[in-house]
Amino acid sequence: MSENTLNSAMRRMGFVKEEIGKDGKVRASSTMTAHGFRAMARTVLDEVLDFRPDYIEHQLAHAVRDPNGRAYNRTAHLPERRKMMQAWADYLDKLRAERNLVPMYGVT
């Protein structure tokens, strides 16, 4: 799935504001993007939930940076990633239950 697919869905949900440029043309400016959500998740999983960066990078489907790692590392860390995703779901459920949410304009 393309990142643009998710960004289009976010536009339809109201995560975009329109601005008029100096040339008079209407421009759309996203308040949040699909990539922004991925970056937020990456940060929370590391700094708040204390998961290993290599598990997070696997989950985000990022390439291994070490040239030898690409050739020889066949790990998937599936059990650890399942625990990580459950911890992420529990974290989001806790935020919702506590009503510790930041309101975003345009979303009802």
N, C-alpha and C. Protein backbone atom coordinates (compact mmCIF):
# COMPACT_ATOMS: atom_id res chain seq x y z
N MET A 1 0.85 -1.17 0.00
CA MET A 1 0.00 0.00 0.00
C MET A 1 0.90 1.24 0.00
N SER A 2 0.55 2.17 -0.79
CA SER A 2 1.31 3.41 -0.92
C SER A 2 1.07 4.34 0.27
N GLU A 3 2.08 5.10 0.64
CA GLU A 3 1.91 6.11 1.68
C GLU A 3 0.86 7.13 1.25
N ASN A 4 0.76 7.39 -0.06
CA ASN A 4 -0.24 8.34 -0.55
C ASN A 4 -1.65 7.85 -0.31
N THR A 5 -1.86 6.53 -0.28
CA THR A 5 -3.18 5.99 0.03
C THR A 5 -3.59 6.41 1.43
N LEU A 6 -2.68 6.26 2.37
CA LEU A 6 -2.98 6.65 3.75
C LEU A 6 -3.14 8.16 3.88
N ASN A 7 -2.30 8.91 3.20
CA ASN A 7 -2.42 10.38 3.26
C ASN A 7 -3.74 10.84 2.66
N SER A 8 -4.20 10.19 1.59
CA SER A 8 -5.50 10.54 1.00
C SER A 8 -6.63 10.26 1.98
N ALA A 9 -6.55 9.12 2.67
CA ALA A 9 -7.57 8.80 3.67
C ALA A 9 -7.56 9.84 4.79
N MET A 10 -6.38 10.26 5.19
CA MET A 10 -6.29 11.26 6.25
C MET A 10 -6.87 12.60 5.79
N ARG A 11 -6.68 12.94 4.52
CA ARG A 11 -7.29 14.17 4.00
C ARG A 11 -8.81 14.07 4.07
N ARG A 12 -9.36 12.91 3.70
CA ARG A 12 -10.81 12.73 3.74
C ARG A 12 -11.35 12.79 5.17
N MET A 13 -10.51 12.45 6.16
CA MET A 13 -10.93 12.49 7.56
C MET A 13 -10.75 13.87 8.18
N GLY A 14 -10.19 14.81 7.43
CA GLY A 14 -10.09 16.17 7.92
C GLY A 14 -8.74 16.57 8.49
N PHE A 15 -7.70 15.80 8.25
CA PHE A 15 -6.38 16.13 8.76
C PHE A 15 -5.63 17.07 7.81
N VAL A 16 -6.36 17.94 7.13
CA VAL A 16 -5.76 18.85 6.17
C VAL A 16 -6.43 20.21 6.31
N LYS A 17 -5.65 21.24 6.20
CA LYS A 17 -6.24 22.57 6.14
C LYS A 17 -5.82 23.18 4.81
N GLU A 18 -6.69 23.98 4.26
CA GLU A 18 -6.38 24.63 2.99
C GLU A 18 -5.86 26.03 3.25
N GLU A 19 -4.87 26.41 2.50
CA GLU A 19 -4.29 27.74 2.61
C GLU A 19 -4.25 28.37 1.23
N ILE A 20 -4.40 29.66 1.19
CA ILE A 20 -4.30 30.41 -0.06
C ILE A 20 -2.87 30.95 -0.16
N GLY A 21 -2.18 30.57 -1.22
CA GLY A 21 -0.81 31.03 -1.42
C GLY A 21 -0.78 32.47 -1.91
N LYS A 22 0.40 33.05 -1.97
CA LYS A 22 0.56 34.42 -2.45
C LYS A 22 0.10 34.56 -3.89
N ASP A 23 0.14 33.45 -4.63
CA ASP A 23 -0.30 33.48 -6.02
C ASP A 23 -1.81 33.30 -6.15
N GLY A 24 -2.52 33.18 -5.01
CA GLY A 24 -3.97 33.03 -5.02
C GLY A 24 -4.45 31.60 -5.17
N LYS A 25 -3.54 30.66 -5.34
CA LYS A 25 -3.92 29.26 -5.50
C LYS A 25 -4.13 28.61 -4.13
N VAL A 26 -5.10 27.69 -4.11
CA VAL A 26 -5.39 26.95 -2.88
C VAL A 26 -4.38 25.82 -2.75
N ARG A 27 -3.79 25.74 -1.57
CA ARG A 27 -2.84 24.66 -1.29
C ARG A 27 -3.33 23.91 -0.05
N ALA A 28 -3.13 22.61 -0.07
CA ALA A 28 -3.49 21.80 1.09
C ALA A 28 -2.25 21.60 1.95
N SER A 29 -2.43 21.74 3.24
CA SER A 29 -1.33 21.56 4.18
C SER A 29 -1.76 20.54 5.22
N SER A 30 -1.12 19.38 5.25
CA SER A 30 -1.48 18.34 6.22
C SER A 30 -0.99 18.71 7.60
N THR A 31 -1.83 18.44 8.60
CA THR A 31 -1.41 18.62 9.98
C THR A 31 -0.71 17.36 10.48
N MET A 32 -0.95 16.24 9.81
CA MET A 32 -0.31 14.98 10.17
C MET A 32 -0.26 14.13 8.91
N THR A 33 0.79 13.36 8.77
CA THR A 33 0.94 12.49 7.61
C THR A 33 1.13 11.05 8.09
N ALA A 34 0.99 10.12 7.16
CA ALA A 34 1.23 8.71 7.49
C ALA A 34 2.65 8.54 8.02
N HIS A 35 3.59 9.20 7.40
CA HIS A 35 4.98 9.12 7.87
C HIS A 35 5.12 9.69 9.28
N GLY A 36 4.36 10.72 9.57
CA GLY A 36 4.38 11.30 10.92
C GLY A 36 3.89 10.33 11.97
N PHE A 37 2.85 9.56 11.64
CA PHE A 37 2.36 8.54 12.57
C PHE A 37 3.42 7.47 12.79
N ARG A 38 4.11 7.07 11.73
CA ARG A 38 5.17 6.06 11.86
C ARG A 38 6.30 6.59 12.74
N ALA A 39 6.66 7.86 12.55
CA ALA A 39 7.71 8.46 13.37
C ALA A 39 7.29 8.54 14.83
N MET A 40 6.03 8.89 15.07
CA MET A 40 5.53 8.96 16.44
C MET A 40 5.57 7.57 17.08
N ALA A 41 5.11 6.56 16.35
CA ALA A 41 5.12 5.20 16.88
C ALA A 41 6.55 4.76 17.18
N ARG A 42 7.46 5.06 16.29
CA ARG A 42 8.88 4.69 16.47
C ARG A 42 9.43 5.29 17.76
N THR A 43 9.11 6.55 18.00
CA THR A 43 9.59 7.24 19.19
C THR A 43 8.99 6.66 20.46
N VAL A 44 7.68 6.46 20.46
CA VAL A 44 7.00 5.93 21.66
C VAL A 44 7.46 4.51 21.96
N LEU A 45 7.57 3.67 20.94
CA LEU A 45 8.02 2.30 21.17
C LEU A 45 9.41 2.26 21.78
N ASP A 46 10.26 3.17 21.38
CA ASP A 46 11.63 3.20 21.90
C ASP A 46 11.69 3.89 23.27
N GLU A 47 11.22 5.13 23.36
CA GLU A 47 11.44 5.93 24.55
C GLU A 47 10.44 5.69 25.67
N VAL A 48 9.22 5.32 25.35
CA VAL A 48 8.19 5.13 26.38
C VAL A 48 8.04 3.65 26.73
N LEU A 49 7.96 2.80 25.72
CA LEU A 49 7.70 1.38 25.95
C LEU A 49 8.97 0.53 26.01
N ASP A 50 10.11 1.14 25.77
CA ASP A 50 11.43 0.51 25.94
C ASP A 50 11.65 -0.75 25.10
N PHE A 51 11.23 -0.72 23.84
CA PHE A 51 11.53 -1.84 22.95
C PHE A 51 12.83 -1.60 22.21
N ARG A 52 13.48 -2.69 21.88
CA ARG A 52 14.77 -2.61 21.19
C ARG A 52 14.60 -1.98 19.81
N PRO A 53 15.49 -1.07 19.45
CA PRO A 53 15.40 -0.42 18.14
C PRO A 53 15.39 -1.40 16.96
N ASP A 54 16.11 -2.52 17.05
CA ASP A 54 16.10 -3.44 15.92
C ASP A 54 14.74 -4.10 15.74
N TYR A 55 13.99 -4.35 16.82
CA TYR A 55 12.63 -4.88 16.68
C TYR A 55 11.74 -3.84 15.99
N ILE A 56 11.89 -2.60 16.41
CA ILE A 56 11.08 -1.53 15.84
C ILE A 56 11.38 -1.36 14.36
N GLU A 57 12.65 -1.37 14.01
CA GLU A 57 13.04 -1.21 12.60
C GLU A 57 12.50 -2.35 11.75
N HIS A 58 12.54 -3.57 12.29
CA HIS A 58 11.94 -4.70 11.57
C HIS A 58 10.45 -4.45 11.33
N GLN A 59 9.75 -4.01 12.38
CA GLN A 59 8.31 -3.80 12.27
C GLN A 59 7.98 -2.72 11.25
N LEU A 60 8.82 -1.71 11.17
CA LEU A 60 8.60 -0.63 10.20
C LEU A 60 9.12 -0.97 8.81
N ALA A 61 9.66 -2.18 8.67
CA ALA A 61 10.18 -2.66 7.38
C ALA A 61 11.32 -1.80 6.87
N HIS A 62 12.14 -1.30 7.80
CA HIS A 62 13.32 -0.54 7.41
C HIS A 62 14.45 -1.50 7.09
N ALA A 63 15.27 -1.13 6.14
CA ALA A 63 16.40 -1.97 5.74
C ALA A 63 17.47 -1.94 6.83
N VAL A 64 18.16 -3.06 6.96
CA VAL A 64 19.29 -3.13 7.89
C VAL A 64 20.41 -2.28 7.33
N ARG A 65 21.02 -1.44 8.15
CA ARG A 65 22.04 -0.50 7.65
C ARG A 65 23.39 -1.17 7.41
N ASP A 66 23.71 -2.19 8.17
CA ASP A 66 25.00 -2.87 8.06
C ASP A 66 25.02 -3.75 6.82
N PRO A 67 25.96 -3.55 5.90
CA PRO A 67 26.01 -4.37 4.68
C PRO A 67 26.09 -5.86 4.98
N ASN A 68 26.84 -6.25 5.99
CA ASN A 68 26.90 -7.67 6.34
C ASN A 68 25.59 -8.16 6.93
N GLY A 69 24.90 -7.28 7.65
CA GLY A 69 23.61 -7.65 8.21
C GLY A 69 22.60 -7.98 7.14
N ARG A 70 22.61 -7.23 6.06
CA ARG A 70 21.68 -7.51 4.96
C ARG A 70 21.95 -8.88 4.36
N ALA A 71 23.20 -9.24 4.27
CA ALA A 71 23.55 -10.51 3.63
C ALA A 71 23.30 -11.70 4.54
N TYR A 72 23.51 -11.54 5.84
CA TYR A 72 23.48 -12.70 6.74
C TYR A 72 22.36 -12.70 7.76
N ASN A 73 21.76 -11.58 8.02
CA ASN A 73 20.74 -11.51 9.06
C ASN A 73 19.38 -11.89 8.48
N ARG A 74 18.89 -13.05 8.86
CA ARG A 74 17.59 -13.54 8.39
C ARG A 74 16.54 -13.53 9.51
N THR A 75 16.85 -12.86 10.60
CA THR A 75 15.93 -12.86 11.74
C THR A 75 14.67 -12.08 11.41
N ALA A 76 13.58 -12.49 12.06
CA ALA A 76 12.32 -11.77 11.92
C ALA A 76 11.83 -11.25 13.27
N HIS A 77 12.30 -11.86 14.37
CA HIS A 77 11.91 -11.45 15.72
C HIS A 77 10.38 -11.43 15.89
N LEU A 78 9.69 -12.41 15.31
CA LEU A 78 8.23 -12.38 15.35
C LEU A 78 7.64 -12.44 16.75
N PRO A 79 8.10 -13.33 17.65
CA PRO A 79 7.51 -13.32 19.00
C PRO A 79 7.69 -11.96 19.71
N GLU A 80 8.86 -11.38 19.57
CA GLU A 80 9.12 -10.09 20.20
C GLU A 80 8.28 -8.98 19.57
N ARG A 81 8.12 -9.05 18.26
CA ARG A 81 7.31 -8.03 17.56
C ARG A 81 5.84 -8.17 17.91
N ARG A 82 5.36 -9.40 18.12
CA ARG A 82 3.97 -9.58 18.57
C ARG A 82 3.77 -8.91 19.94
N LYS A 83 4.72 -9.15 20.86
CA LYS A 83 4.64 -8.51 22.18
C LYS A 83 4.68 -6.99 22.04
N MET A 84 5.52 -6.51 21.16
CA MET A 84 5.65 -5.07 20.96
C MET A 84 4.34 -4.48 20.43
N MET A 85 3.73 -5.14 19.46
CA MET A 85 2.48 -4.63 18.89
C MET A 85 1.35 -4.70 19.90
N GLN A 86 1.35 -5.73 20.77
CA GLN A 86 0.35 -5.79 21.83
C GLN A 86 0.57 -4.66 22.83
N ALA A 87 1.82 -4.39 23.16
CA ALA A 87 2.13 -3.28 24.06
C ALA A 87 1.70 -1.95 23.45
N TRP A 88 1.88 -1.80 22.13
CA TRP A 88 1.45 -0.58 21.43
C TRP A 88 -0.07 -0.45 21.51
N ALA A 89 -0.80 -1.55 21.27
CA ALA A 89 -2.26 -1.52 21.35
C ALA A 89 -2.71 -1.19 22.77
N ASP A 90 -2.07 -1.79 23.76
CA ASP A 90 -2.41 -1.51 25.16
C ASP A 90 -2.13 -0.04 25.50
N TYR A 91 -1.04 0.49 24.99
CA TYR A 91 -0.69 1.90 25.22
C TYR A 91 -1.77 2.81 24.64
N LEU A 92 -2.21 2.54 23.41
CA LEU A 92 -3.26 3.36 22.79
C LEU A 92 -4.58 3.22 23.53
N ASP A 93 -4.92 1.98 23.96
CA ASP A 93 -6.14 1.77 24.74
C ASP A 93 -6.10 2.55 26.04
N LYS A 94 -4.94 2.58 26.69
CA LYS A 94 -4.78 3.32 27.94
C LYS A 94 -4.98 4.82 27.71
N LEU A 95 -4.40 5.34 26.64
CA LEU A 95 -4.60 6.76 26.34
C LEU A 95 -6.07 7.08 26.12
N ARG A 96 -6.75 6.20 25.39
CA ARG A 96 -8.17 6.42 25.12
C ARG A 96 -8.97 6.34 26.41
N ALA A 97 -8.69 5.34 27.26
CA ALA A 97 -9.43 5.17 28.51
C ALA A 97 -9.22 6.34 29.46
N GLU A 98 -8.02 6.89 29.46
CA GLU A 98 -7.71 8.03 30.33
C GLU A 98 -8.19 9.34 29.74
N ARG A 99 -8.66 9.29 28.52
CA ARG A 99 -9.05 10.50 27.79
C ARG A 99 -7.88 11.47 27.70
N ASN A 100 -6.68 10.91 27.67
CA ASN A 100 -5.46 11.70 27.57
C ASN A 100 -5.14 11.89 26.09
N LEU A 101 -6.08 12.49 25.38
CA LEU A 101 -5.96 12.64 23.93
C LEU A 101 -5.82 14.11 23.57
N VAL A 102 -5.10 14.36 22.53
CA VAL A 102 -4.96 15.71 22.01
C VAL A 102 -5.99 15.88 20.91
N PRO A 103 -6.95 16.80 21.06
CA PRO A 103 -7.95 16.98 20.01
C PRO A 103 -7.32 17.49 18.72
N MET A 104 -7.81 16.98 17.61
CA MET A 104 -7.31 17.40 16.30
C MET A 104 -8.48 17.99 15.54
N TYR A 105 -8.27 19.16 14.99
CA TYR A 105 -9.36 19.82 14.29
C TYR A 105 -9.78 18.99 13.07
N GLY A 106 -11.05 19.11 12.71
CA GLY A 106 -11.54 18.47 11.49
C GLY A 106 -11.93 17.03 11.67
N VAL A 107 -11.64 16.44 12.81
CA VAL A 107 -11.98 15.04 13.04
C VAL A 107 -13.09 15.00 14.06
N THR A 108 -14.16 14.29 13.72
CA THR A 108 -15.30 14.22 14.64
C THR A 108 -15.43 12.86 15.24
